[in-house]
Amino acid sequence: MIKILLFAGLQEEIGADSLMMDCTECTVLEVKKYVLTKFPLVDLQQVITAVNEEFSQEEDKVISGDVVAFLPPVSGG
């Protein structure tokens, strides 16, 4: 299992601050596809992704026990 952390607007859209995904080994892109399957209206195109608190790319591996965080762009004023 991997834990998926959601921040800012993603939390509001999904209604939770985290999700769990049954995955022994997958990629960041597969994690994104999993979230989009469960929540098709969520936009993950502009998110910054981190695996175990390190920035990652879509082709990076994720293994059971990892934590994936999706950080949407934030604007301020």
PDB file of N, CA and C in Angstrom:
ATOM      1  N   MET A   1       0.841  -1.180   0.000  1.00  0.00           N
ATOM      2  CA  MET A   1       0.000   0.000   0.000  1.00  0.00           C
ATOM      3  C   MET A   1       0.886   1.244   0.000  1.00  0.00           C
ATOM      4  N   ILE A   2       0.428   2.237  -0.722  1.00  0.00           N
ATOM      5  CA  ILE A   2       1.083   3.542  -0.667  1.00  0.00           C
ATOM      6  C   ILE A   2       0.061   4.562  -0.177  1.00  0.00           C
ATOM      7  N   LYS A   3       0.570   5.598   0.464  1.00  0.00           N
ATOM      8  CA  LYS A   3      -0.294   6.665   0.950  1.00  0.00           C
ATOM      9  C   LYS A   3      -0.148   7.847   0.008  1.00  0.00           C
ATOM     10  N   ILE A   4      -1.279   8.434  -0.370  1.00  0.00           N
ATOM     11  CA  ILE A   4      -1.307   9.591  -1.255  1.00  0.00           C
ATOM     12  C   ILE A   4      -1.788  10.775  -0.435  1.00  0.00           C
ATOM     13  N   LEU A   5      -0.941  11.791  -0.298  1.00  0.00           N
ATOM     14  CA  LEU A   5      -1.304  12.993   0.441  1.00  0.00           C
ATOM     15  C   LEU A   5      -1.801  14.058  -0.524  1.00  0.00           C
ATOM     16  N   LEU A   6      -2.848  14.746  -0.133  1.00  0.00           N
ATOM     17  CA  LEU A   6      -3.452  15.793  -0.957  1.00  0.00           C
ATOM     18  C   LEU A   6      -3.405  17.110  -0.199  1.00  0.00           C
ATOM     19  N   PHE A   7      -3.146  18.197  -0.924  1.00  0.00           N
ATOM     20  CA  PHE A   7      -3.021  19.494  -0.282  1.00  0.00           C
ATOM     21  C   PHE A   7      -3.900  20.528  -0.966  1.00  0.00           C
ATOM     22  N   ALA A   8      -4.177  21.596  -0.243  1.00  0.00           N
ATOM     23  CA  ALA A   8      -4.896  22.785  -0.730  1.00  0.00           C
ATOM     24  C   ALA A   8      -6.201  22.405  -1.430  1.00  0.00           C
ATOM     25  N   GLY A   9      -6.400  22.899  -2.657  1.00  0.00           N
ATOM     26  CA  GLY A   9      -7.634  22.692  -3.397  1.00  0.00           C
ATOM     27  C   GLY A   9      -7.954  21.236  -3.673  1.00  0.00           C
ATOM     28  N   LEU A  10      -6.927  20.388  -3.776  1.00  0.00           N
ATOM     29  CA  LEU A  10      -7.184  18.964  -4.005  1.00  0.00           C
ATOM     30  C   LEU A  10      -7.932  18.341  -2.835  1.00  0.00           C
ATOM     31  N   GLN A  11      -7.583  18.752  -1.616  1.00  0.00           N
ATOM     32  CA  GLN A  11      -8.303  18.257  -0.439  1.00  0.00           C
ATOM     33  C   GLN A  11      -9.774  18.613  -0.526  1.00  0.00           C
ATOM     34  N   GLU A  12     -10.038  19.849  -0.924  1.00  0.00           N
ATOM     35  CA  GLU A  12     -11.430  20.310  -1.019  1.00  0.00           C
ATOM     36  C   GLU A  12     -12.185  19.574  -2.110  1.00  0.00           C
ATOM     37  N   GLU A  13     -11.548  19.374  -3.261  1.00  0.00           N
ATOM     38  CA  GLU A  13     -12.212  18.697  -4.388  1.00  0.00           C
ATOM     39  C   GLU A  13     -12.526  17.243  -4.065  1.00  0.00           C
ATOM     40  N   ILE A  14     -11.595  16.559  -3.412  1.00  0.00           N
ATOM     41  CA  ILE A  14     -11.761  15.135  -3.137  1.00  0.00           C
ATOM     42  C   ILE A  14     -12.487  14.896  -1.819  1.00  0.00           C
ATOM     43  N   GLY A  15     -12.363  15.841  -0.884  1.00  0.00           N
ATOM     44  CA  GLY A  15     -13.032  15.692   0.403  1.00  0.00           C
ATOM     45  C   GLY A  15     -12.245  14.866   1.401  1.00  0.00           C
ATOM     46  N   ALA A  16     -10.943  14.762   1.185  1.00  0.00           N
ATOM     47  CA  ALA A  16     -10.077  14.016   2.096  1.00  0.00           C
ATOM     48  C   ALA A  16      -8.666  14.576   1.984  1.00  0.00           C
ATOM     49  N   ASP A  17      -7.865  14.353   3.024  1.00  0.00           N
ATOM     50  CA  ASP A  17      -6.482  14.811   2.952  1.00  0.00           C
ATOM     51  C   ASP A  17      -5.516  13.718   2.524  1.00  0.00           C
ATOM     52  N   SER A  18      -6.022  12.478   2.424  1.00  0.00           N
ATOM     53  CA  SER A  18      -5.169  11.385   1.961  1.00  0.00           C
ATOM     54  C   SER A  18      -6.010  10.247   1.403  1.00  0.00           C
ATOM     55  N   LEU A  19      -5.353   9.418   0.607  1.00  0.00           N
ATOM     56  CA  LEU A  19      -5.951   8.221   0.030  1.00  0.00           C
ATOM     57  C   LEU A  19      -4.946   7.086   0.178  1.00  0.00           C
ATOM     58  N   MET A  20      -5.420   5.867   0.093  1.00  0.00           N
ATOM     59  CA  MET A  20      -4.537   4.704   0.091  1.00  0.00           C
ATOM     60  C   MET A  20      -4.696   3.993  -1.253  1.00  0.00           C
ATOM     61  N   MET A  21      -3.588   3.470  -1.765  1.00  0.00           N
ATOM     62  CA  MET A  21      -3.599   2.748  -3.042  1.00  0.00           C
ATOM     63  C   MET A  21      -2.853   1.441  -2.860  1.00  0.00           C
ATOM     64  N   ASP A  22      -3.470   0.353  -3.290  1.00  0.00           N
ATOM     65  CA  ASP A  22      -2.833  -0.951  -3.230  1.00  0.00           C
ATOM     66  C   ASP A  22      -1.866  -1.066  -4.400  1.00  0.00           C
ATOM     67  N   CYS A  23      -0.582  -0.983  -4.102  1.00  0.00           N
ATOM     68  CA  CYS A  23       0.438  -0.981  -5.148  1.00  0.00           C
ATOM     69  C   CYS A  23       1.717  -1.551  -4.562  1.00  0.00           C
ATOM     70  N   THR A  24       2.248  -2.587  -5.188  1.00  0.00           N
ATOM     71  CA  THR A  24       3.525  -3.136  -4.759  1.00  0.00           C
ATOM     72  C   THR A  24       4.660  -2.354  -5.390  1.00  0.00           C
ATOM     73  N   GLU A  25       4.527  -2.101  -6.703  1.00  0.00           N
ATOM     74  CA  GLU A  25       5.483  -1.274  -7.428  1.00  0.00           C
ATOM     75  C   GLU A  25       4.764  -0.649  -8.612  1.00  0.00           C
ATOM     76  N   CYS A  26       4.842   0.654  -8.732  1.00  0.00           N
ATOM     77  CA  CYS A  26       4.210   1.364  -9.842  1.00  0.00           C
ATOM     78  C   CYS A  26       4.989   2.645 -10.093  1.00  0.00           C
ATOM     79  N   THR A  27       4.482   3.479 -10.965  1.00  0.00           N
ATOM     80  CA  THR A  27       5.114   4.770 -11.236  1.00  0.00           C
ATOM     81  C   THR A  27       4.224   5.898 -10.723  1.00  0.00           C
ATOM     82  N   VAL A  28       4.798   7.090 -10.653  1.00  0.00           N
ATOM     83  CA  VAL A  28       4.028   8.263 -10.261  1.00  0.00           C
ATOM     84  C   VAL A  28       2.859   8.453 -11.226  1.00  0.00           C
ATOM     85  N   LEU A  29       3.092   8.229 -12.515  1.00  0.00           N
ATOM     86  CA  LEU A  29       2.015   8.366 -13.502  1.00  0.00           C
ATOM     87  C   LEU A  29       0.873   7.398 -13.210  1.00  0.00           C
ATOM     88  N   GLU A  30       1.180   6.184 -12.812  1.00  0.00           N
ATOM     89  CA  GLU A  30       0.131   5.219 -12.472  1.00  0.00           C
ATOM     90  C   GLU A  30      -0.645   5.662 -11.231  1.00  0.00           C
ATOM     91  N   VAL A  31       0.024   6.302 -10.289  1.00  0.00           N
ATOM     92  CA  VAL A  31      -0.671   6.822  -9.109  1.00  0.00           C
ATOM     93  C   VAL A  31      -1.631   7.935  -9.535  1.00  0.00           C
ATOM     94  N   LYS A  32      -1.162   8.819 -10.417  1.00  0.00           N
ATOM     95  CA  LYS A  32      -2.037   9.878 -10.926  1.00  0.00           C
ATOM     96  C   LYS A  32      -3.259   9.278 -11.624  1.00  0.00           C
ATOM     97  N   LYS A  33      -3.049   8.260 -12.446  1.00  0.00           N
ATOM     98  CA  LYS A  33      -4.156   7.623 -13.157  1.00  0.00           C
ATOM     99  C   LYS A  33      -5.154   7.000 -12.172  1.00  0.00           C
ATOM    100  N   TYR A  34      -4.649   6.429 -11.090  1.00  0.00           N
ATOM    101  CA  TYR A  34      -5.512   5.853 -10.063  1.00  0.00           C
ATOM    102  C   TYR A  34      -6.417   6.929  -9.461  1.00  0.00           C
ATOM    103  N   VAL A  35      -5.823   8.069  -9.101  1.00  0.00           N
ATOM    104  CA  VAL A  35      -6.608   9.164  -8.519  1.00  0.00           C
ATOM    105  C   VAL A  35      -7.643   9.658  -9.529  1.00  0.00           C
ATOM    106  N   LEU A  36      -7.236   9.801 -10.790  1.00  0.00           N
ATOM    107  CA  LEU A  36      -8.161  10.285 -11.820  1.00  0.00           C
ATOM    108  C   LEU A  36      -9.283   9.296 -12.104  1.00  0.00           C
ATOM    109  N   THR A  37      -9.036   8.010 -11.914  1.00  0.00           N
ATOM    110  CA  THR A  37     -10.086   7.000 -12.082  1.00  0.00           C
ATOM    111  C   THR A  37     -11.142   7.157 -10.995  1.00  0.00           C
ATOM    112  N   LYS A  38     -10.695   7.414  -9.776  1.00  0.00           N
ATOM    113  CA  LYS A  38     -11.634   7.574  -8.659  1.00  0.00           C
ATOM    114  C   LYS A  38     -12.307   8.945  -8.640  1.00  0.00           C
ATOM    115  N   PHE A  39     -11.585   9.967  -9.101  1.00  0.00           N
ATOM    116  CA  PHE A  39     -12.074  11.350  -9.076  1.00  0.00           C
ATOM    117  C   PHE A  39     -11.792  12.004 -10.431  1.00  0.00           C
ATOM    118  N   PRO A  40     -12.596  11.690 -11.450  1.00  0.00           N
ATOM    119  CA  PRO A  40     -12.302  12.126 -12.827  1.00  0.00           C
ATOM    120  C   PRO A  40     -12.305  13.635 -13.048  1.00  0.00           C
ATOM    121  N   LEU A  41     -12.900  14.412 -12.180  1.00  0.00           N
ATOM    122  CA  LEU A  41     -12.946  15.856 -12.388  1.00  0.00           C
ATOM    123  C   LEU A  41     -11.748  16.590 -11.781  1.00  0.00           C
ATOM    124  N   VAL A  42     -10.888  15.875 -11.097  1.00  0.00           N
ATOM    125  CA  VAL A  42      -9.712  16.475 -10.476  1.00  0.00           C
ATOM    126  C   VAL A  42      -8.663  16.759 -11.549  1.00  0.00           C
ATOM    127  N   ASP A  43      -8.002  17.908 -11.460  1.00  0.00           N
ATOM    128  CA  ASP A  43      -6.958  18.274 -12.416  1.00  0.00           C
ATOM    129  C   ASP A  43      -5.584  18.075 -11.778  1.00  0.00           C
ATOM    130  N   LEU A  44      -4.826  17.112 -12.304  1.00  0.00           N
ATOM    131  CA  LEU A  44      -3.496  16.835 -11.777  1.00  0.00           C
ATOM    132  C   LEU A  44      -2.391  17.255 -12.735  1.00  0.00           C
ATOM    133  N   GLN A  45      -2.728  17.997 -13.789  1.00  0.00           N
ATOM    134  CA  GLN A  45      -1.733  18.370 -14.786  1.00  0.00           C
ATOM    135  C   GLN A  45      -0.695  19.347 -14.244  1.00  0.00           C
ATOM    136  N   GLN A  46      -1.066  20.222 -13.350  1.00  0.00           N
ATOM    137  CA  GLN A  46      -0.147  21.251 -12.856  1.00  0.00           C
ATOM    138  C   GLN A  46       0.426  20.950 -11.472  1.00  0.00           C
ATOM    139  N   VAL A  47       0.123  19.783 -10.907  1.00  0.00           N
ATOM    140  CA  VAL A  47       0.594  19.488  -9.553  1.00  0.00           C
ATOM    141  C   VAL A  47       2.086  19.195  -9.532  1.00  0.00           C
ATOM    142  N   ILE A  48       2.696  19.538  -8.422  1.00  0.00           N
ATOM    143  CA  ILE A  48       4.056  19.114  -8.142  1.00  0.00           C
ATOM    144  C   ILE A  48       3.929  17.826  -7.343  1.00  0.00           C
ATOM    145  N   THR A  49       4.723  16.830  -7.702  1.00  0.00           N
ATOM    146  CA  THR A  49       4.642  15.538  -7.031  1.00  0.00           C
ATOM    147  C   THR A  49       5.917  15.279  -6.247  1.00  0.00           C
ATOM    148  N   ALA A  50       5.737  14.754  -5.049  1.00  0.00           N
ATOM    149  CA  ALA A  50       6.881  14.357  -4.227  1.00  0.00           C
ATOM    150  C   ALA A  50       6.663  12.921  -3.760  1.00  0.00           C
ATOM    151  N   VAL A  51       7.718  12.143  -3.780  1.00  0.00           N
ATOM    152  CA  VAL A  51       7.687  10.782  -3.244  1.00  0.00           C
ATOM    153  C   VAL A  51       8.649  10.763  -2.067  1.00  0.00           C
ATOM    154  N   ASN A  52       8.117  10.441  -0.908  1.00  0.00           N
ATOM    155  CA  ASN A  52       8.916  10.431   0.330  1.00  0.00           C
ATOM    156  C   ASN A  52       9.660  11.759   0.520  1.00  0.00           C
ATOM    157  N   GLU A  53       8.939  12.850   0.303  1.00  0.00           N
ATOM    158  CA  GLU A  53       9.410  14.223   0.520  1.00  0.00           C
ATOM    159  C   GLU A  53      10.509  14.668  -0.443  1.00  0.00           C
ATOM    160  N   GLU A  54      10.644  13.982  -1.596  1.00  0.00           N
ATOM    161  CA  GLU A  54      11.581  14.404  -2.631  1.00  0.00           C
ATOM    162  C   GLU A  54      10.809  14.598  -3.923  1.00  0.00           C
ATOM    163  N   PHE A  55      11.037  15.744  -4.591  1.00  0.00           N
ATOM    164  CA  PHE A  55      10.344  16.008  -5.850  1.00  0.00           C
ATOM    165  C   PHE A  55      10.591  14.868  -6.822  1.00  0.00           C
ATOM    166  N   SER A  56       9.560  14.534  -7.605  1.00  0.00           N
ATOM    167  CA  SER A  56       9.674  13.394  -8.507  1.00  0.00           C
ATOM    168  C   SER A  56       9.021  13.683  -9.843  1.00  0.00           C
ATOM    169  N   GLN A  57       9.327  12.835 -10.805  1.00  0.00           N
ATOM    170  CA  GLN A  57       8.784  12.905 -12.157  1.00  0.00           C
ATOM    171  C   GLN A  57       7.805  11.749 -12.350  1.00  0.00           C
ATOM    172  N   GLU A  58       7.007  11.819 -13.403  1.00  0.00           N
ATOM    173  CA  GLU A  58       5.982  10.799 -13.646  1.00  0.00           C
ATOM    174  C   GLU A  58       6.550   9.401 -13.840  1.00  0.00           C
ATOM    175  N   GLU A  59       7.768   9.287 -14.339  1.00  0.00           N
ATOM    176  CA  GLU A  59       8.347   7.968 -14.597  1.00  0.00           C
ATOM    177  C   GLU A  59       9.038   7.367 -13.363  1.00  0.00           C
ATOM    178  N   ASP A  60       9.126   8.122 -12.267  1.00  0.00           N
ATOM    179  CA  ASP A  60       9.779   7.616 -11.055  1.00  0.00           C
ATOM    180  C   ASP A  60       8.976   6.481 -10.431  1.00  0.00           C
ATOM    181  N   LYS A  61       9.690   5.526  -9.845  1.00  0.00           N
ATOM    182  CA  LYS A  61       9.068   4.359  -9.229  1.00  0.00           C
ATOM    183  C   LYS A  61       8.522   4.696  -7.848  1.00  0.00           C
ATOM    184  N   VAL A  62       7.434   4.033  -7.515  1.00  0.00           N
ATOM    185  CA  VAL A  62       6.814   4.111  -6.197  1.00  0.00           C
ATOM    186  C   VAL A  62       6.626   2.674  -5.730  1.00  0.00           C
ATOM    187  N   ILE A  63       7.042   2.388  -4.496  1.00  0.00           N
ATOM    188  CA  ILE A  63       6.884   1.032  -3.982  1.00  0.00           C
ATOM    189  C   ILE A  63       6.038   1.045  -2.708  1.00  0.00           C
ATOM    190  N   SER A  64       5.552  -0.115  -2.341  1.00  0.00           N
ATOM    191  CA  SER A  64       4.719  -0.251  -1.154  1.00  0.00           C
ATOM    192  C   SER A  64       5.420   0.375   0.053  1.00  0.00           C
ATOM    193  N   GLY A  65       4.684   1.189   0.801  1.00  0.00           N
ATOM    194  CA  GLY A  65       5.225   1.878   1.965  1.00  0.00           C
ATOM    195  C   GLY A  65       5.614   3.321   1.684  1.00  0.00           C
ATOM    196  N   ASP A  66       5.709   3.689   0.399  1.00  0.00           N
ATOM    197  CA  ASP A  66       6.051   5.064   0.043  1.00  0.00           C
ATOM    198  C   ASP A  66       4.874   6.007   0.289  1.00  0.00           C
ATOM    199  N   VAL A  67       5.207   7.291   0.397  1.00  0.00           N
ATOM    200  CA  VAL A  67       4.202   8.337   0.526  1.00  0.00           C
ATOM    201  C   VAL A  67       4.333   9.266  -0.678  1.00  0.00           C
ATOM    202  N   VAL A  68       3.249   9.409  -1.427  1.00  0.00           N
ATOM    203  CA  VAL A  68       3.215  10.294  -2.594  1.00  0.00           C
ATOM    204  C   VAL A  68       2.383  11.510  -2.239  1.00  0.00           C
ATOM    205  N   ALA A  69       2.936  12.691  -2.476  1.00  0.00           N
ATOM    206  CA  ALA A  69       2.218  13.933  -2.182  1.00  0.00           C
ATOM    207  C   ALA A  69       1.964  14.703  -3.467  1.00  0.00           C
ATOM    208  N   PHE A  70       0.729  15.175  -3.634  1.00  0.00           N
ATOM    209  CA  PHE A  70       0.358  16.010  -4.773  1.00  0.00           C
ATOM    210  C   PHE A  70       0.149  17.429  -4.257  1.00  0.00           C
ATOM    211  N   LEU A  71       0.977  18.349  -4.749  1.00  0.00           N
ATOM    212  CA  LEU A  71       0.938  19.747  -4.310  1.00  0.00           C
ATOM    213  C   LEU A  71       0.479  20.615  -5.459  1.00  0.00           C
ATOM    214  N   PRO A  72      -0.760  21.109  -5.426  1.00  0.00           N
ATOM    215  CA  PRO A  72      -1.250  21.946  -6.509  1.00  0.00           C
ATOM    216  C   PRO A  72      -0.614  23.330  -6.458  1.00  0.00           C
ATOM    217  N   PRO A  73      -0.603  24.040  -7.579  1.00  0.00           N
ATOM    218  CA  PRO A  73      -0.073  25.401  -7.555  1.00  0.00           C
ATOM    219  C   PRO A  73      -0.929  26.271  -6.635  1.00  0.00           C
ATOM    220  N   VAL A  74      -0.275  27.157  -5.927  1.00  0.00           N
ATOM    221  CA  VAL A  74      -0.969  28.018  -4.975  1.00  0.00           C
ATOM    222  C   VAL A  74      -0.697  29.468  -5.378  1.00  0.00           C
ATOM    223  N   SER A  75      -1.746  30.261  -5.353  1.00  0.00           N
ATOM    224  CA  SER A  75      -1.557  31.685  -5.634  1.00  0.00           C
ATOM    225  C   SER A  75      -1.813  32.462  -4.356  1.00  0.00           C
ATOM    226  N   GLY A  76      -1.187  33.577  -4.261  1.00  0.00           N
ATOM    227  CA  GLY A  76      -1.356  34.407  -3.074  1.00  0.00           C
ATOM    228  C   GLY A  76      -1.588  35.843  -3.456  1.00  0.00           C
ATOM    229  N   GLY A  77      -1.789  36.622  -2.482  1.00  0.00           N
ATOM    230  CA  GLY A  77      -2.016  38.023  -2.809  1.00  0.00           C
ATOM    231  C   GLY A  77      -1.953  38.908  -1.604  1.00  0.00           C
TER     232      GLY A  77
END
